[in-house]
Amino acid sequence: MEYPEFYMEIEHIVLKDKLSLFLGSTREGLIDISYLDIVKMAGHGCVLVSGTYLMALKGLQALYGTEIPMRGEIKVELRNKLSDGNTGASAQVLSNITGATSDTGFKGINGKFNRRDLLFFGADITSNVRFTRLDTNASVEVSYSPERVVNSGAIMQSALGPNATEESRKKFPVQWQDMVKTIFQHADEVIEVS
């Protein structure tokens, strides 16, 4: 399969996963997650998927500093309710990266490695998402504002709007991925960590 080349240039998220180490799934328990991995999981790359990936990347960097984030030991709280817009899609990306789930994840082994009750919706926060370390209770909030650098609605209208032409529909996939690339190029403008 072929993917846009810029996918390969995006910084990976590396975490340590004690469950993976325990089960021997990875040496040293290290899990390397790329944007391409997330695109494969979601089935596509878009403003939401790229922004959620960036929120996790920047949020975990701020939360852990020079330490490697501990997958499965991070509480994730989203401001939106599960039924709001595409919150479920964003939650799946965050769950895939952090291991956090609501009630559908791995229940653990002998009281260890539980992934349930770590993902929450409708949180009383002003940002989009809050990440909290279970070991220290330290937390960071992350906001994502893609409208600062792109207009996804205008690009979508070029393919689906009433004035869309055959030519504009053909150009749409390239324009869409150019928009996603722009989001990554301007990560510091669209992501705020507090």
Protein backbone atom coordinates (compact mmCIF):
# COMPACT_ATOMS: atom_id res chain seq x y z
CA MET A 1 0.00 0.00 0.00
CA GLU A 2 1.12 3.53 -0.66
CA TYR A 3 0.75 6.43 1.76
CA PRO A 4 1.66 10.10 1.57
CA GLU A 5 5.43 10.44 2.06
CA PHE A 6 5.12 12.99 4.84
CA TYR A 7 3.57 10.32 7.10
CA MET A 8 7.05 8.82 7.45
CA GLU A 9 8.50 12.14 8.69
CA ILE A 10 6.11 12.56 11.63
CA GLU A 11 7.59 12.06 15.09
CA HIS A 12 6.70 8.73 16.70
CA ILE A 13 5.23 8.28 20.16
CA VAL A 14 7.29 5.84 22.22
CA LEU A 15 5.83 4.39 25.42
CA LYS A 16 6.70 1.65 27.86
CA ASP A 17 4.03 -0.96 28.43
CA LYS A 18 4.43 -3.27 31.44
CA LEU A 19 1.82 -5.68 30.04
CA SER A 20 3.71 -5.97 26.78
CA LEU A 21 6.92 -6.63 28.73
CA PHE A 22 5.22 -9.18 31.00
CA LEU A 23 3.78 -11.11 28.06
CA GLY A 24 6.98 -10.85 26.01
CA SER A 25 5.24 -9.01 23.17
CA THR A 26 8.04 -6.46 22.94
CA ARG A 27 11.59 -6.45 24.23
CA GLU A 28 12.00 -4.06 27.13
CA GLY A 29 8.26 -3.30 26.91
CA LEU A 30 8.79 -0.43 24.47
CA ILE A 31 6.01 0.37 22.03
CA ASP A 32 6.73 2.66 19.10
CA ILE A 33 3.56 4.18 17.62
CA SER A 34 3.73 6.09 14.36
CA TYR A 35 1.14 8.33 12.76
CA LEU A 36 0.90 5.69 10.03
CA ASP A 37 -0.06 3.12 12.69
CA ILE A 38 -2.88 5.41 13.80
CA VAL A 39 -4.00 6.03 10.21
CA LYS A 40 -4.19 2.27 9.69
CA MET A 41 -6.23 1.90 12.88
CA ALA A 42 -8.61 4.72 11.93
CA GLY A 43 -8.69 3.81 8.25
CA HIS A 44 -7.83 7.36 7.17
CA GLY A 45 -5.89 10.52 7.93
CA CYS A 46 -7.80 13.73 8.58
CA VAL A 47 -7.94 16.87 10.73
CA LEU A 48 -9.34 14.92 13.70
CA VAL A 49 -6.95 11.97 13.53
CA SER A 50 -3.86 14.15 13.03
CA GLY A 51 -4.92 16.57 15.76
CA THR A 52 -5.64 13.80 18.24
CA TYR A 53 -2.26 12.23 17.49
CA LEU A 54 -0.60 15.59 18.08
CA MET A 55 -2.51 16.14 21.33
CA ALA A 56 -1.22 12.79 22.59
CA LEU A 57 2.33 13.45 21.39
CA LYS A 58 2.61 16.95 22.87
CA GLY A 59 0.59 16.15 25.99
CA LEU A 60 2.66 13.09 26.89
CA GLN A 61 5.90 14.96 26.23
CA ALA A 62 4.80 17.69 28.64
CA LEU A 63 3.50 15.22 31.22
CA TYR A 64 6.56 12.96 31.30
CA GLY A 65 9.39 15.28 30.27
CA THR A 66 12.48 13.14 29.63
CA GLU A 67 10.83 9.98 31.00
CA ILE A 68 9.17 7.43 28.72
CA PRO A 69 5.36 7.55 29.15
CA MET A 70 3.86 4.47 30.78
CA ARG A 71 1.14 3.02 28.54
CA GLY A 72 -1.76 1.72 30.62
CA GLU A 73 -0.94 4.08 33.50
CA ILE A 74 -2.45 7.26 32.06
CA LYS A 75 -5.96 8.55 32.75
CA VAL A 76 -7.51 10.31 29.74
CA GLU A 77 -10.42 12.73 30.11
CA LEU A 78 -12.18 14.31 27.15
CA ARG A 79 -14.29 17.45 27.51
CA ASN A 80 -16.89 16.29 24.99
CA LYS A 81 -19.45 13.59 25.61
CA LEU A 82 -19.08 10.36 23.69
CA SER A 83 -22.20 11.24 21.67
CA ASP A 84 -20.78 14.65 20.60
CA GLY A 85 -19.60 14.80 16.99
CA ASN A 86 -16.60 12.60 16.34
CA THR A 87 -15.53 12.27 19.98
CA GLY A 88 -15.61 8.48 19.70
CA ALA A 89 -13.08 8.53 16.86
CA SER A 90 -10.77 10.80 18.85
CA ALA A 91 -11.17 8.54 21.90
CA GLN A 92 -10.18 5.49 19.86
CA VAL A 93 -6.97 7.19 18.78
CA LEU A 94 -6.17 8.18 22.37
CA SER A 95 -7.03 4.69 23.61
CA ASN A 96 -4.79 3.08 21.01
CA ILE A 97 -1.88 5.28 22.08
CA THR A 98 -2.30 5.36 25.88
CA GLY A 99 -4.05 2.03 26.47
CA ALA A 100 -6.81 3.82 28.41
CA THR A 101 -10.37 2.51 27.94
CA SER A 102 -13.72 3.05 29.59
CA ASP A 103 -15.22 -0.41 30.15
CA THR A 104 -14.19 -2.29 27.02
CA GLY A 105 -10.46 -2.74 27.55
CA PHE A 106 -8.27 -5.39 29.09
CA LYS A 107 -9.38 -6.17 32.63
CA GLY A 108 -5.92 -7.14 33.84
CA ILE A 109 -4.20 -10.17 35.33
CA ASN A 110 -4.28 -10.78 39.09
CA GLY A 111 -5.07 -7.12 39.74
CA LYS A 112 -2.34 -5.79 37.44
CA PHE A 113 -2.39 -4.25 33.96
CA ASN A 114 -6.03 -3.10 34.11
CA ARG A 115 -6.90 -0.76 31.23
CA ARG A 116 -10.53 -0.16 32.19
CA ASP A 117 -11.89 2.96 33.88
CA LEU A 118 -9.08 5.13 32.53
CA LEU A 119 -11.00 6.90 29.73
CA PHE A 120 -13.70 9.45 30.59
CA PHE A 121 -16.06 11.68 28.62
CA GLY A 122 -17.82 14.93 29.53
CA ALA A 123 -14.97 16.05 31.82
CA ASP A 124 -15.22 19.45 33.48
CA ILE A 125 -12.24 20.97 31.66
CA THR A 126 -11.82 23.90 29.25
CA SER A 127 -9.29 22.09 27.02
CA ASN A 128 -10.04 19.20 24.67
CA VAL A 129 -8.30 16.54 26.75
CA ARG A 130 -6.53 16.06 30.05
CA PHE A 131 -3.84 13.42 30.63
CA THR A 132 -3.08 12.35 34.21
CA ARG A 133 -0.25 10.12 35.38
CA LEU A 134 -1.52 7.46 37.77
CA ASP A 135 1.82 7.23 39.59
CA THR A 136 2.20 10.93 40.49
CA ASN A 137 -1.29 12.34 39.81
CA ALA A 138 0.36 15.09 37.71
CA SER A 139 -1.76 16.21 34.79
CA VAL A 140 -1.68 18.37 31.68
CA GLU A 141 -4.47 19.72 29.53
CA VAL A 142 -4.23 19.97 25.77
CA SER A 143 -6.25 22.06 23.31
CA TYR A 144 -6.35 21.67 19.54
CA SER A 145 -7.32 24.54 17.20
CA PRO A 146 -6.83 23.48 13.56
CA GLU A 147 -8.77 26.51 12.30
CA ARG A 148 -5.69 28.59 13.06
CA VAL A 149 -3.96 27.17 9.98
CA VAL A 150 -6.51 25.30 7.81
CA ASN A 151 -10.12 25.46 6.66
CA SER A 152 -11.24 21.85 6.34
CA GLY A 153 -14.81 22.83 5.51
CA ALA A 154 -13.77 24.73 2.40
CA ILE A 155 -11.66 21.82 1.20
CA MET A 156 -14.51 19.39 1.84
CA GLN A 157 -16.87 21.62 -0.15
CA SER A 158 -14.56 21.32 -3.16
CA ALA A 159 -15.53 17.64 -3.32
CA LEU A 160 -19.04 17.57 -1.88
CA GLY A 161 -20.40 21.11 -2.20
CA PRO A 162 -22.96 22.29 -4.76
CA ASN A 163 -20.22 23.90 -6.90
CA ALA A 164 -17.96 20.84 -6.89
CA THR A 165 -16.72 19.82 -10.31
CA GLU A 166 -15.18 16.63 -11.60
CA GLU A 167 -11.81 18.39 -11.57
CA SER A 168 -12.18 19.63 -7.98
CA ARG A 169 -13.23 16.16 -6.85
CA LYS A 170 -10.10 14.65 -8.44
CA LYS A 171 -7.88 17.21 -6.70
CA PHE A 172 -9.60 16.74 -3.36
CA PRO A 173 -7.56 13.81 -1.92
CA VAL A 174 -4.27 15.65 -2.57
CA GLN A 175 -5.64 18.89 -1.11
CA TRP A 176 -6.96 17.01 1.92
CA GLN A 177 -3.61 15.40 2.67
CA ASP A 178 -1.82 18.72 2.03
CA MET A 179 -4.09 20.13 4.74
CA VAL A 180 -3.12 17.31 7.13
CA LYS A 181 0.55 17.97 6.34
CA THR A 182 0.02 21.66 7.14
CA ILE A 183 -1.36 20.73 10.56
CA PHE A 184 1.81 18.79 11.37
CA GLN A 185 4.02 21.56 10.00
CA HIS A 186 2.29 24.04 12.31
CA ALA A 187 1.91 21.78 15.35
CA ASP A 188 3.05 24.49 17.76
CA GLU A 189 0.33 26.82 16.47
CA VAL A 190 -2.57 24.37 16.65
CA ILE A 191 -1.65 22.64 19.94
CA GLU A 192 -1.63 24.31 23.35
CA VAL A 193 -0.53 22.45 26.48
CA SER A 194 -1.25 23.80 29.96
